[in-house]
Amino acid sequence: MTFGTGKIEPDAGARQRLLAAALALFNEKGYAATSVRELVAAAGVTKPVLYYYFGNKEGIYLELMQSSSGTFESLVARIVSLDGSAQERIIHFCSDLFDISVQRLALVRLMYAIYYGPPQGAPPLDLEAYFVGMMELIQRLVRAGIAGGELKEGSAEDVARAIIAILTSAINDQLCPRESRLDREGMVRMLRLLMTGIAR
């Protein structure tokens, strides 16, 4: 098969190499400072290959970010469909999100740099949607726990914020170079401690 110039379609690994190179370079230099020339050199491909798969540098960036959005939405859908207590479903959600974040730590680092750092000229994305999605899901689970008599009456928003604080603290710790970090087991232990305080 050909792709515009009459050459053979690039190997399947070229796409993944481009994504990996983009993620590494965006983290190292920032989005704006990374050139297409550097991207293709790092991936070991030519510019037409990049254009074939992504159109341009913006296309690679959007692919990286939108893949994380799809993963998050799938996780939320899975948790909503689970049976079990509100507490266990909350812990399951936090554990899964922690595991995904650890597996994609470089992407988490890039998202933090884009969200919290100086403007990089990157295409605008609604990164706030992740927080909103977490808040909505956890509040929904907390309200279900209150309605079912499992949790004490109280502010579902306050409880959700406390849960997110524990989750994000554990994820943030993974970005730090120190050896002593809050791991998955420690996060779950803290969540259970919180749940004990709000259980009926």
Protein backbone atom coordinates (compact mmCIF):
# COMPACT_ATOMS: atom_id res chain seq x y z
CA MET A 1 0.00 0.00 0.00
CA THR A 2 1.21 3.57 -0.63
CA PHE A 3 0.86 6.81 1.29
CA GLY A 4 0.97 9.79 -1.01
CA THR A 5 4.51 9.62 -2.35
CA GLY A 6 4.29 6.13 -3.83
CA LYS A 7 6.51 4.64 -1.13
CA ILE A 8 5.60 1.59 0.90
CA GLU A 9 3.43 2.24 3.93
CA PRO A 10 5.57 2.70 7.06
CA ASP A 11 6.00 -0.20 9.43
CA ALA A 12 3.47 -0.55 12.22
CA GLY A 13 6.10 0.30 14.83
CA ALA A 14 6.70 3.75 13.35
CA ARG A 15 3.51 5.13 14.85
CA GLN A 16 4.38 3.96 18.37
CA ARG A 17 7.96 5.19 18.01
CA LEU A 18 6.68 8.63 17.05
CA LEU A 19 4.35 8.72 20.07
CA ALA A 20 7.13 7.60 22.41
CA ALA A 21 9.57 10.14 20.95
CA ALA A 22 7.00 12.94 21.21
CA LEU A 23 6.22 12.11 24.83
CA ALA A 24 9.91 12.07 25.77
CA LEU A 25 10.73 15.28 23.90
CA PHE A 26 7.64 17.18 25.11
CA ASN A 27 8.62 16.29 28.68
CA GLU A 28 12.26 17.17 28.16
CA LYS A 29 11.97 20.38 26.12
CA GLY A 30 8.32 21.40 26.19
CA TYR A 31 5.81 21.27 23.38
CA ALA A 32 6.72 24.56 21.67
CA ALA A 33 10.48 23.95 21.78
CA THR A 34 10.21 20.50 20.17
CA SER A 35 10.58 20.58 16.39
CA VAL A 36 9.21 18.14 13.83
CA ARG A 37 12.79 17.49 12.75
CA GLU A 38 13.69 16.37 16.29
CA LEU A 39 10.59 14.18 16.51
CA VAL A 40 11.28 12.26 13.31
CA ALA A 41 14.98 11.91 14.14
CA ALA A 42 14.22 10.51 17.60
CA ALA A 43 11.65 8.07 16.14
CA GLY A 44 13.93 7.05 13.25
CA VAL A 45 11.38 7.95 10.58
CA THR A 46 10.95 10.62 7.90
CA LYS A 47 8.65 13.63 7.94
CA PRO A 48 6.20 12.03 5.46
CA VAL A 49 5.72 9.18 7.95
CA LEU A 50 4.82 11.67 10.70
CA TYR A 51 2.41 13.45 8.35
CA TYR A 52 0.89 10.11 7.29
CA TYR A 53 0.01 9.09 10.84
CA PHE A 54 -0.66 12.41 12.59
CA GLY A 55 -0.76 15.24 10.07
CA ASN A 56 1.59 17.43 12.14
CA LYS A 57 3.12 17.90 15.60
CA GLU A 58 -0.24 18.99 17.00
CA GLY A 59 -1.74 15.70 15.85
CA ILE A 60 0.78 13.69 17.88
CA TYR A 61 0.13 15.83 20.95
CA LEU A 62 -3.64 15.43 20.63
CA GLU A 63 -3.30 11.67 20.16
CA LEU A 64 -1.27 11.40 23.37
CA MET A 65 -3.75 13.43 25.38
CA GLN A 66 -6.93 11.97 23.92
CA SER A 67 -5.76 8.41 24.52
CA SER A 68 -5.65 9.19 28.25
CA SER A 69 -9.15 10.64 28.06
CA GLY A 70 -10.49 7.43 26.51
CA THR A 71 -8.80 5.32 29.18
CA PHE A 72 -10.29 7.46 31.95
CA GLU A 73 -13.79 7.27 30.47
CA SER A 74 -13.53 3.47 30.19
CA LEU A 75 -12.46 3.26 33.83
CA VAL A 76 -15.40 5.40 34.96
CA ALA A 77 -17.85 3.26 32.94
CA ARG A 78 -16.42 0.09 34.49
CA ILE A 79 -16.71 1.40 38.06
CA VAL A 80 -20.30 2.56 37.49
CA SER A 81 -21.26 -0.94 36.34
CA LEU A 82 -19.60 -2.73 39.29
CA ASP A 83 -21.60 -4.27 42.11
CA GLY A 84 -20.51 -3.93 45.72
CA SER A 85 -20.42 -1.38 48.49
CA ALA A 86 -19.74 2.28 47.83
CA GLN A 87 -16.54 2.05 49.83
CA GLU A 88 -15.17 -0.87 47.81
CA ARG A 89 -16.11 0.75 44.52
CA ILE A 90 -14.34 3.98 45.54
CA ILE A 91 -11.22 2.04 46.54
CA HIS A 92 -11.39 0.05 43.32
CA PHE A 93 -11.60 3.25 41.25
CA CYS A 94 -8.70 4.90 43.08
CA SER A 95 -6.57 1.75 42.84
CA ASP A 96 -7.21 1.38 39.11
CA LEU A 97 -6.51 5.05 38.43
CA PHE A 98 -3.31 4.85 40.49
CA ASP A 99 -2.16 1.78 38.51
CA ILE A 100 -2.92 3.45 35.16
CA SER A 101 -1.07 6.58 36.26
CA VAL A 102 2.01 4.59 37.27
CA GLN A 103 1.97 2.76 33.93
CA ARG A 104 1.75 6.10 32.10
CA LEU A 105 3.83 8.24 34.41
CA ALA A 106 5.53 10.15 31.58
CA LEU A 107 2.11 11.16 30.25
CA VAL A 108 0.99 12.23 33.74
CA ARG A 109 4.14 14.35 34.00
CA LEU A 110 3.38 16.01 30.65
CA MET A 111 -0.23 16.71 31.63
CA TYR A 112 0.93 18.31 34.89
CA ALA A 113 3.47 20.44 33.00
CA ILE A 114 0.80 21.64 30.57
CA TYR A 115 -1.79 22.25 33.29
CA TYR A 116 0.38 23.78 36.04
CA GLY A 117 3.35 25.10 34.07
CA PRO A 118 3.88 28.15 31.89
CA PRO A 119 2.12 28.28 28.51
CA GLN A 120 3.85 26.08 25.96
CA GLY A 121 1.85 26.92 22.87
CA ALA A 122 0.22 23.49 22.98
CA PRO A 123 -3.27 23.06 21.49
CA PRO A 124 -5.90 23.85 24.14
CA LEU A 125 -7.39 20.87 25.95
CA ASP A 126 -9.86 20.72 28.84
CA LEU A 127 -7.61 19.01 31.39
CA GLU A 128 -9.99 20.22 34.10
CA ALA A 129 -12.41 17.57 32.79
CA TYR A 130 -10.43 14.85 34.60
CA PHE A 131 -10.98 16.49 37.98
CA VAL A 132 -14.63 17.16 37.20
CA GLY A 133 -15.10 13.53 36.13
CA MET A 134 -13.48 12.23 39.32
CA MET A 135 -15.57 14.53 41.48
CA GLU A 136 -18.81 13.53 39.78
CA LEU A 137 -18.11 9.80 40.03
CA ILE A 138 -16.94 9.82 43.65
CA GLN A 139 -19.77 12.07 44.79
CA ARG A 140 -22.21 9.72 43.06
CA LEU A 141 -20.73 6.74 44.91
CA VAL A 142 -20.72 8.60 48.23
CA ARG A 143 -24.37 9.61 47.79
CA ALA A 144 -25.23 5.98 47.04
CA GLY A 145 -23.44 4.95 50.24
CA ILE A 146 -25.36 7.54 52.26
CA ALA A 147 -28.70 6.55 50.71
CA GLY A 148 -27.98 2.88 51.41
CA GLY A 149 -27.14 3.52 55.05
CA GLU A 150 -23.50 2.55 54.53
CA LEU A 151 -22.06 6.04 55.09
CA LYS A 152 -22.92 8.84 57.51
CA GLU A 153 -24.99 11.79 56.38
CA GLY A 154 -22.77 14.63 55.28
CA SER A 155 -21.38 16.56 52.35
CA ALA A 156 -20.65 14.25 49.43
CA GLU A 157 -18.45 16.99 47.96
CA ASP A 158 -16.28 17.20 51.08
CA VAL A 159 -15.83 13.44 51.17
CA ALA A 160 -15.02 13.34 47.46
CA ARG A 161 -12.39 16.05 47.87
CA ALA A 162 -10.78 14.14 50.75
CA ILE A 163 -10.68 10.95 48.64
CA ILE A 164 -9.20 12.82 45.66
CA ALA A 165 -6.60 14.39 47.97
CA ILE A 166 -5.40 10.94 49.00
CA LEU A 167 -5.43 9.65 45.42
CA THR A 168 -3.58 12.61 43.94
CA SER A 169 -1.07 12.60 46.79
CA ALA A 170 -0.22 8.99 45.94
CA ILE A 171 0.06 9.74 42.21
CA ASN A 172 2.12 12.89 42.81
CA ASP A 173 4.51 10.91 44.99
CA GLN A 174 5.32 8.67 42.02
CA LEU A 175 6.66 11.73 40.16
CA CYS A 176 9.16 12.47 42.94
CA PRO A 177 12.69 11.05 42.84
CA ARG A 178 12.80 10.14 46.52
CA GLU A 179 12.81 6.45 47.44
CA SER A 180 10.17 6.70 50.17
CA ARG A 181 6.91 7.21 48.28
CA LEU A 182 3.26 6.60 49.05
CA ASP A 183 2.53 3.39 47.15
CA ARG A 184 -0.73 1.72 46.16
CA GLU A 185 -0.95 -0.22 49.43
CA GLY A 186 -0.39 2.93 51.48
CA MET A 187 -3.01 4.79 49.48
CA VAL A 188 -5.59 2.04 50.05
CA ARG A 189 -4.75 2.00 53.75
CA MET A 190 -5.38 5.76 53.97
CA LEU A 191 -8.64 5.43 52.02
CA ARG A 192 -9.85 2.71 54.38
CA LEU A 193 -8.95 4.91 57.36
CA LEU A 194 -11.04 7.70 55.86
CA MET A 195 -13.90 5.29 55.14
CA THR A 196 -13.85 4.09 58.76
CA GLY A 197 -14.43 7.66 59.88
CA ILE A 198 -17.44 8.19 57.64
CA ALA A 199 -19.00 4.73 57.95
CA ARG A 200 -22.25 4.33 59.87
